[in-house]
Protein backbone atom coordinates (compact mmCIF):
# COMPACT_ATOMS: atom_id res chain seq x y z
CA MET A 1 0.00 0.00 0.00
CA THR A 2 1.35 3.38 -0.96
CA SER A 3 2.29 5.65 1.92
CA VAL A 4 1.64 9.40 2.27
CA ASN A 5 5.30 10.14 2.18
CA ASP A 6 5.61 8.36 -1.17
CA LEU A 7 2.89 10.67 -2.69
CA GLN A 8 4.35 13.85 -1.23
CA SER A 9 7.80 13.34 -2.67
CA PRO A 10 6.85 13.92 -6.39
CA LEU A 11 4.65 16.89 -5.48
CA VAL A 12 7.46 18.52 -3.56
CA ALA A 13 9.82 18.00 -6.50
CA VAL A 14 7.35 19.62 -8.95
CA LEU A 15 6.82 22.61 -6.66
CA ILE A 16 10.58 23.10 -6.27
CA TRP A 17 10.98 22.98 -10.11
CA LEU A 18 8.23 25.57 -10.67
CA LEU A 19 9.75 27.91 -8.09
CA ASN A 20 13.16 27.65 -9.75
CA PHE A 21 11.63 28.32 -13.24
CA GLU A 22 9.79 31.41 -11.98
CA SER A 23 12.98 32.70 -10.39
CA CYS A 24 14.91 32.27 -13.67
CA LEU A 25 12.14 33.97 -15.68
CA SER A 26 12.02 37.01 -13.41
CA HIS A 27 15.80 37.27 -13.50
CA TYR A 28 15.75 37.22 -17.34
CA GLU A 29 13.09 39.93 -17.53
CA GLU A 30 15.04 42.08 -15.11
CA ASN A 31 18.24 41.73 -17.16
CA SER A 32 16.36 42.40 -20.40
CA THR A 33 14.83 45.60 -19.07
CA THR A 34 18.19 46.72 -17.85
CA ASN A 35 19.82 46.11 -21.23
CA TYR A 36 17.14 48.10 -23.15
CA ASP A 37 17.36 50.90 -20.63
CA ASP A 38 21.12 50.99 -21.11
CA ILE A 39 20.69 51.23 -24.88
CA TYR A 40 18.11 54.04 -24.85
CA ASN A 41 19.76 55.99 -22.06
CA ASP A 42 23.23 55.76 -23.55
CA SER A 43 24.10 59.20 -24.96
CA THR A 44 27.34 58.01 -26.56
CA VAL A 45 25.75 56.01 -29.43
CA ASP A 46 27.60 56.62 -32.75
CA TYR A 47 25.18 57.78 -35.45
CA SER A 48 27.84 58.36 -38.11
CA ASP A 49 26.88 55.17 -39.95
CA PHE A 50 23.34 56.43 -40.58
CA PRO A 51 22.82 58.24 -43.96
CA GLU A 52 22.29 61.99 -43.68
CA VAL A 53 19.35 63.48 -45.60
CA CYS A 54 20.51 66.31 -47.89
CA GLY A 55 18.29 69.38 -47.52
CA LYS A 56 16.93 70.93 -50.73
CA ASP A 57 14.99 73.84 -49.22
CA SER A 58 17.16 76.51 -50.84
CA ASN A 59 16.82 74.83 -54.24
CA ARG A 60 13.03 74.67 -53.86
CA GLN A 61 12.84 78.37 -52.98
CA PHE A 62 15.06 79.24 -55.95
CA ARG A 63 12.89 77.20 -58.31
CA LEU A 64 9.68 78.80 -57.07
CA TRP A 65 10.57 82.21 -58.51
CA PHE A 66 13.20 81.33 -61.14
CA MET A 67 11.33 78.57 -62.99
CA SER A 68 8.00 80.38 -62.96
CA THR A 69 9.52 83.61 -64.31
CA PHE A 70 12.00 82.22 -66.82
CA TYR A 71 9.76 79.47 -68.19
CA SER A 72 6.83 81.87 -68.59
CA ILE A 73 8.96 84.26 -70.68
CA ILE A 74 10.32 81.44 -72.86
CA CYS A 75 6.86 79.91 -73.28
CA ILE A 76 5.19 83.17 -74.36
CA LEU A 77 7.97 84.18 -76.77
CA GLY A 78 8.33 80.66 -78.13
CA LEU A 79 4.63 80.22 -78.82
CA ALA A 80 4.26 83.68 -80.37
CA GLY A 81 7.38 83.56 -82.54
CA ASN A 82 6.91 80.05 -83.87
CA LEU A 83 3.18 80.58 -84.42
CA LEU A 84 3.98 83.60 -86.61
CA VAL A 85 6.41 81.50 -88.64
CA ILE A 86 3.82 78.73 -89.12
CA LEU A 87 1.05 81.18 -90.07
CA THR A 88 3.32 82.94 -92.55
CA PHE A 89 4.27 79.70 -94.28
CA PHE A 90 0.68 78.53 -94.64
CA TYR A 91 -0.79 81.96 -95.46
CA PHE A 92 1.64 82.63 -98.32
CA LYS A 93 2.25 78.95 -99.24
CA ARG A 94 6.00 79.47 -99.14
CA LEU A 95 7.20 75.85 -99.20
CA LYS A 96 9.32 76.36 -102.32
CA THR A 97 12.80 75.40 -101.11
CA MET A 98 14.46 72.90 -98.77
CA THR A 99 15.14 75.63 -96.24
CA ASP A 100 11.46 76.59 -96.18
CA VAL A 101 10.43 73.00 -95.42
CA TYR A 102 13.04 72.63 -92.69
CA LEU A 103 12.13 75.99 -91.12
CA LEU A 104 8.45 75.02 -90.99
CA ASN A 105 9.27 71.72 -89.28
CA LEU A 106 11.66 73.51 -86.91
CA SER A 107 8.88 75.90 -85.92
CA PHE A 108 6.52 72.98 -85.27
CA ALA A 109 9.14 71.29 -83.08
CA ASP A 110 9.86 74.46 -81.09
CA PHE A 111 6.13 75.20 -80.79
CA LEU A 112 5.50 71.74 -79.29
CA PHE A 113 8.44 72.19 -76.97
CA ALA A 114 7.12 75.57 -75.75
CA LEU A 115 3.76 73.95 -74.97
CA THR A 116 5.42 71.57 -72.48
CA LEU A 117 7.20 74.32 -70.51
CA PRO A 118 4.28 75.04 -68.09
CA PHE A 119 4.27 71.34 -67.16
CA TRP A 120 8.04 71.40 -66.64
CA ALA A 121 7.69 74.42 -64.38
CA ALA A 122 4.93 72.74 -62.37
CA ASN A 123 6.99 69.57 -62.01
CA SER A 124 10.00 71.54 -60.77
CA MET A 125 8.15 73.69 -58.23
CA ALA A 126 5.56 71.36 -56.67
CA GLU A 127 4.40 67.77 -56.37
CA TRP A 128 3.19 66.13 -59.58
CA VAL A 129 -0.60 65.69 -59.40
CA LEU A 130 -1.55 65.30 -63.09
CA GLY A 131 -1.19 61.52 -63.28
CA LEU A 132 1.09 59.08 -65.07
CA ALA A 133 -0.40 59.57 -68.56
CA VAL A 134 0.29 63.32 -68.61
CA CYS A 135 3.72 62.66 -67.10
CA LYS A 136 4.72 60.30 -69.93
CA PHE A 137 3.17 62.60 -72.52
CA MET A 138 5.18 65.59 -71.25
CA HIS A 139 8.54 63.79 -71.36
CA THR A 140 7.82 62.19 -74.75
CA ILE A 141 6.79 65.46 -76.44
CA TYR A 142 9.80 67.19 -74.93
CA LYS A 143 12.29 64.62 -76.22
CA VAL A 144 10.66 64.26 -79.65
CA SER A 145 10.67 68.04 -80.20
CA PHE A 146 14.17 68.34 -78.75
CA TYR A 147 15.78 65.69 -80.98
CA SER A 148 13.87 66.79 -84.08
CA SER A 149 14.89 70.45 -83.67
CA MET A 150 18.56 69.51 -83.25
CA PHE A 151 18.48 67.29 -86.34
CA LEU A 152 16.66 69.97 -88.34
CA LEU A 153 19.36 72.50 -87.46
CA CYS A 154 21.87 70.03 -88.90
CA PHE A 155 19.90 69.66 -92.13
CA ILE A 156 19.48 73.44 -92.49
CA SER A 157 23.25 73.88 -92.27
CA VAL A 158 23.79 71.06 -94.81
CA ASP A 159 21.26 72.65 -97.18
CA ARG A 160 22.98 76.03 -96.92
CA TYR A 161 26.35 74.32 -97.49
CA PHE A 162 25.21 72.81 -100.80
CA ALA A 163 23.35 75.97 -101.83
CA ILE A 164 26.42 78.18 -101.35
CA SER A 165 29.59 76.11 -101.35
CA LYS A 166 28.29 73.60 -103.93
CA ALA A 167 26.00 75.92 -105.85
CA VAL A 168 26.46 74.25 -109.24
CA SER A 169 25.52 70.74 -108.11
CA ALA A 170 22.70 72.10 -105.92
CA HIS A 171 21.17 73.97 -108.87
CA ARG A 172 21.29 70.80 -110.96
CA HIS A 173 19.07 68.95 -108.45
CA ARG A 174 16.86 71.92 -107.61
CA SER A 175 13.66 70.32 -108.92
CA GLN A 176 14.04 67.37 -106.52
CA ALA A 177 15.08 69.43 -103.52
CA VAL A 178 11.63 70.11 -102.05
CA PHE A 179 10.59 66.45 -102.33
CA PHE A 180 13.84 65.34 -100.67
CA SER A 181 13.36 67.87 -97.86
CA LYS A 182 9.85 66.55 -97.13
CA VAL A 183 11.06 62.94 -97.06
CA SER A 184 14.06 63.81 -94.89
CA SER A 185 11.82 65.80 -92.50
CA ALA A 186 9.55 62.77 -92.07
CA ILE A 187 12.62 60.60 -91.37
CA ILE A 188 13.83 63.13 -88.80
CA TRP A 189 10.53 62.97 -86.88
CA VAL A 190 10.58 59.16 -86.94
CA MET A 191 14.17 59.07 -85.67
CA ALA A 192 13.32 61.58 -82.94
CA LEU A 193 10.41 59.36 -81.88
CA ILE A 194 12.68 56.29 -81.77
CA PHE A 195 15.26 58.09 -79.62
CA SER A 196 12.44 59.09 -77.25
CA ILE A 197 11.38 55.49 -76.52
CA PRO A 198 13.32 55.38 -73.19
CA GLU A 199 11.34 58.40 -71.99
CA MET A 200 8.06 56.70 -72.91
CA SER A 201 9.08 53.41 -71.29
CA TYR A 202 10.73 54.43 -68.04
CA THR A 203 9.04 57.72 -67.12
CA THR A 204 7.05 57.33 -63.93
CA ILE A 205 5.98 59.26 -60.83
CA ASN A 206 8.75 58.74 -58.29
CA ASN A 207 8.68 60.50 -54.94
CA ASN A 208 5.85 62.80 -56.15
CA THR A 209 7.98 63.88 -59.15
CA CYS A 210 7.55 63.06 -62.83
CA THR A 211 10.88 61.57 -63.88
CA PRO A 212 12.36 58.62 -65.82
CA TYR A 213 14.97 58.03 -63.09
CA SER A 214 14.54 56.17 -59.82
CA SER A 215 17.32 58.13 -58.06
CA ASN A 216 20.39 60.28 -58.64
CA THR A 217 22.48 57.12 -58.86
CA ASP A 218 20.26 55.34 -61.38
CA GLN A 219 22.47 53.88 -64.14
CA LEU A 220 19.63 54.34 -66.62
CA ARG A 221 20.25 58.06 -66.23
CA VAL A 222 23.83 57.57 -67.44
CA THR A 223 22.63 55.87 -70.63
CA ILE A 224 19.92 58.40 -71.46
CA GLN A 225 22.06 61.46 -70.76
CA THR A 226 25.06 60.09 -72.66
CA SER A 227 22.95 59.40 -75.76
CA GLN A 228 21.47 62.89 -75.51
CA ILE A 229 24.91 64.54 -75.35
CA VAL A 230 26.19 62.56 -78.34
CA LEU A 231 23.12 62.73 -80.61
CA ALA A 232 21.68 66.13 -79.72
CA PHE A 233 24.85 68.14 -79.13
CA ALA A 234 28.11 66.62 -80.34
CA LEU A 235 26.73 65.45 -83.71
CA PRO A 236 24.93 68.73 -84.58
CA LEU A 237 27.97 70.71 -83.42
CA LEU A 238 30.30 68.78 -85.74
CA VAL A 239 27.97 69.08 -88.73
CA MET A 240 27.30 72.79 -88.22
CA THR A 241 30.99 73.54 -87.66
CA PHE A 242 31.98 71.85 -90.93
CA CYS A 243 29.14 73.36 -93.00
CA TYR A 244 29.36 76.93 -91.74
CA SER A 245 33.17 76.95 -91.89
CA SER A 246 32.98 75.95 -95.55
CA ILE A 247 30.28 78.57 -96.20
CA ILE A 248 32.39 81.33 -94.64
CA GLN A 249 35.38 80.30 -96.76
CA THR A 250 33.23 80.49 -99.89
CA LEU A 251 31.80 83.88 -98.93
CA CYS A 252 35.25 85.29 -98.21
CA GLN A 253 36.23 84.50 -101.80
CA ALA A 254 33.12 86.16 -103.22
CA ARG A 255 32.99 89.84 -104.16
CA ASN A 256 29.52 90.86 -103.16
CA PHE A 257 28.28 93.74 -101.04
CA GLU A 258 26.03 91.34 -99.10
CA ARG A 259 28.98 89.15 -98.12
CA ASN A 260 29.74 90.77 -94.76
CA LYS A 261 26.08 90.70 -93.76
CA ALA A 262 25.82 87.01 -94.64
CA ILE A 263 28.92 86.20 -92.57
CA LYS A 264 27.45 88.09 -89.61
CA VAL A 265 24.24 86.07 -89.92
CA ILE A 266 26.18 82.78 -89.86
CA LEU A 267 28.25 83.90 -86.87
CA ALA A 268 25.03 84.86 -85.07
CA VAL A 269 23.56 81.40 -85.76
CA VAL A 270 26.65 79.64 -84.43
CA ALA A 271 26.90 81.97 -81.42
CA VAL A 272 23.27 81.37 -80.40
CA PHE A 273 23.73 77.61 -80.66
CA LEU A 274 26.95 77.64 -78.62
CA LEU A 275 25.70 80.02 -75.93
CA CYS A 276 22.49 78.05 -75.43
CA GLN A 277 23.80 74.50 -75.68
CA VAL A 278 27.43 74.43 -74.49
CA PRO A 279 26.89 75.40 -70.80
CA TYR A 280 24.00 72.98 -70.35
CA ASN A 281 25.77 70.07 -72.03
CA LEU A 282 28.92 70.63 -69.97
CA VAL A 283 26.86 70.46 -66.77
CA LEU A 284 24.93 67.48 -68.14
CA PHE A 285 28.20 65.72 -68.92
CA TRP A 286 29.50 66.30 -65.41
CA THR A 287 26.28 65.12 -63.74
CA THR A 288 26.48 61.99 -65.90
CA VAL A 289 30.02 61.35 -64.64
CA VAL A 290 28.92 61.87 -61.02
CA THR A 291 25.97 59.51 -61.52
CA ALA A 292 28.20 56.87 -63.12
CA LYS A 293 30.44 56.98 -60.02
CA GLY A 294 27.48 56.31 -57.74
CA GLY A 295 26.54 59.88 -56.84
CA THR A 296 28.02 62.24 -54.28
CA LYS A 297 27.69 62.35 -50.48
CA ASP A 298 28.61 66.05 -50.29
CA CYS A 299 25.30 67.85 -49.78
CA ASN A 300 26.64 71.32 -50.68
CA TYR A 301 28.23 69.99 -53.85
CA ASP A 302 24.99 68.24 -54.81
CA ASN A 303 23.00 71.44 -54.28
CA ARG A 304 25.44 73.50 -56.36
CA LEU A 305 25.19 70.95 -59.16
CA LEU A 306 21.40 71.21 -59.01
CA TYR A 307 21.60 75.02 -59.23
CA ALA A 308 23.90 74.77 -62.26
CA THR A 309 21.55 72.30 -63.96
CA ASP A 310 18.48 74.51 -63.44
CA VAL A 311 20.16 77.67 -64.74
CA THR A 312 21.92 76.16 -67.77
CA GLN A 313 18.87 74.10 -68.74
CA SER A 314 16.74 77.24 -68.74
CA VAL A 315 19.29 78.99 -70.96
CA ALA A 316 19.23 75.98 -73.30
CA PHE A 317 15.43 76.22 -73.46
CA LEU A 318 15.82 79.74 -74.90
CA ARG A 319 16.52 78.17 -78.30
CA CYS A 320 12.80 77.59 -78.92
CA CYS A 321 12.11 81.34 -78.90
CA LEU A 322 15.39 82.44 -80.53
CA ASN A 323 15.24 80.12 -83.56
CA PRO A 324 12.45 82.09 -85.32
CA PHE A 325 14.47 85.30 -85.09
CA VAL A 326 17.77 83.76 -86.13
CA TYR A 327 16.56 81.44 -88.89
CA ALA A 328 13.36 83.01 -90.24
CA PHE A 329 12.76 86.65 -89.34
CA ILE A 330 16.23 87.68 -90.51
CA GLY A 331 15.43 86.64 -94.10
CA VAL A 332 14.43 89.35 -96.57
CA LYS A 333 11.43 87.64 -98.18
CA PHE A 334 10.23 86.08 -94.95
CA ARG A 335 10.40 89.42 -93.13
CA HIS A 336 8.39 91.04 -95.91
CA ASP A 337 5.77 88.27 -95.77
CA LEU A 338 5.54 88.60 -92.01
CA LEU A 339 4.92 92.33 -92.22
CA LYS A 340 2.30 91.75 -94.91
CA LEU A 341 0.64 89.14 -92.70
CA LEU A 342 0.45 91.63 -89.83
CA LYS A 343 -1.01 94.23 -92.20
CA ASP A 344 -3.65 91.82 -93.55
CA PHE A 345 -4.66 90.86 -90.00
CA GLY A 346 -5.06 94.53 -89.04
CA CYS A 347 -2.02 94.67 -86.76
CA MET A 348 -0.19 97.22 -88.94
CA SER A 349 -1.30 100.21 -91.00
CA GLN A 350 -0.73 100.53 -94.74
CA GLU A 351 1.58 103.54 -94.23
CA ARG A 352 3.78 101.75 -91.74
CA PHE A 353 3.95 98.66 -93.92
CA TYR A 354 5.03 100.79 -96.89
CA ARG A 355 7.63 102.58 -94.76
CA TYR A 356 9.14 99.31 -93.49
CA THR A 357 9.23 97.48 -96.83
CA CYS A 358 9.62 99.94 -99.69
CA GLY A 359 13.22 101.09 -99.17
CA ARG A 360 14.45 97.72 -97.99
CA ARG A 361 13.01 95.87 -100.96
CA ARG A 362 14.89 98.14 -103.34
CA SER A 363 18.20 97.68 -101.52
CA SER A 364 17.87 93.90 -101.40
CA ALA A 365 16.45 93.29 -104.87
CA ALA A 366 19.76 92.01 -106.21
CA THR A 367 19.97 89.22 -103.69
CA ASP A 368 16.29 88.42 -103.12
CA THR A 369 15.78 84.92 -104.47
CA GLU A 370 13.32 82.16 -103.77
CA THR A 371 15.30 81.13 -100.74
CA THR A 372 14.97 82.98 -97.47
CA THR A 373 18.01 85.06 -98.43
CA THR A 374 20.88 84.23 -100.74
CA PHE A 375 23.36 83.60 -97.97
CA SER A 376 21.10 83.16 -94.97
CA PRO A 377 21.50 79.94 -93.02
């Protein structure tokens, strides 16, 4: 028969085990609390390994007034100037030469580009709230118009090169020139659309901003910016340098009273291109190098680079409102047609039109041909 002592022995052992377990558990909780308290109360924790957020407040304040002012001026002048060129071409049906066709397409490209500037300003100054479709549309139109205008500037310089430096061979193929210019213009727009595919594919709304890049260290940015520098700056610069250098050499050998004026026009064209495009492309090249190296951890340097990009990009955008004055309005026949258009629309009196055109038409009659001007780019 089992005794009482035999039953008490296992119960005593279980009670002793439970008491020991409770003691260990309370000791563990006490040590755990002490360790967390030590961590949170320790004022000597090293935070140097944590990434520091670079403040952009000064850049945002600068963009608020700079972008709104500068982009508004460029947009208004670009829309007005290019619209006048387009209306003049269609009103007088002046598509008679290669230069006319290229100038009309250039005005369309710059007009489209000017239309996107309010969206660019909004994207730079505030959060993007217009949705992904408008975001992709803005970047695509910008790149298509940008590439097409650069390529058209190349073709204008090539056309002027053959018309002046190779006048004999150009006159021989004069009947086919307009058809070739229309075909080449269509090819230019198609090529510009192809080069804009990355913008259509990768543009998204990242961090409340419409952009094709995920960050400042995105390697896709290196590819896109490198192709833009090569195709939309280096290539046009080489072509225009060769063509206009040859044209100036030909004009220097000619004995014509319009020679000096024609050389000044060419120098003005080259100067506008260099002043607008060189600063921006130099900054773009350097930001591409910084991105390829993985970005920079210097906040002040990053902010200065952002300032330089904003300013030089705005100067580069000036081309859309300067092209009509440099390439179209400076021509004798085009200037006359523009004044006549303003007179027909009631923006100019008959007396003022006669005063502006009568004397000038007589002085330029010797060089007034079907082209914009004999030596105009």
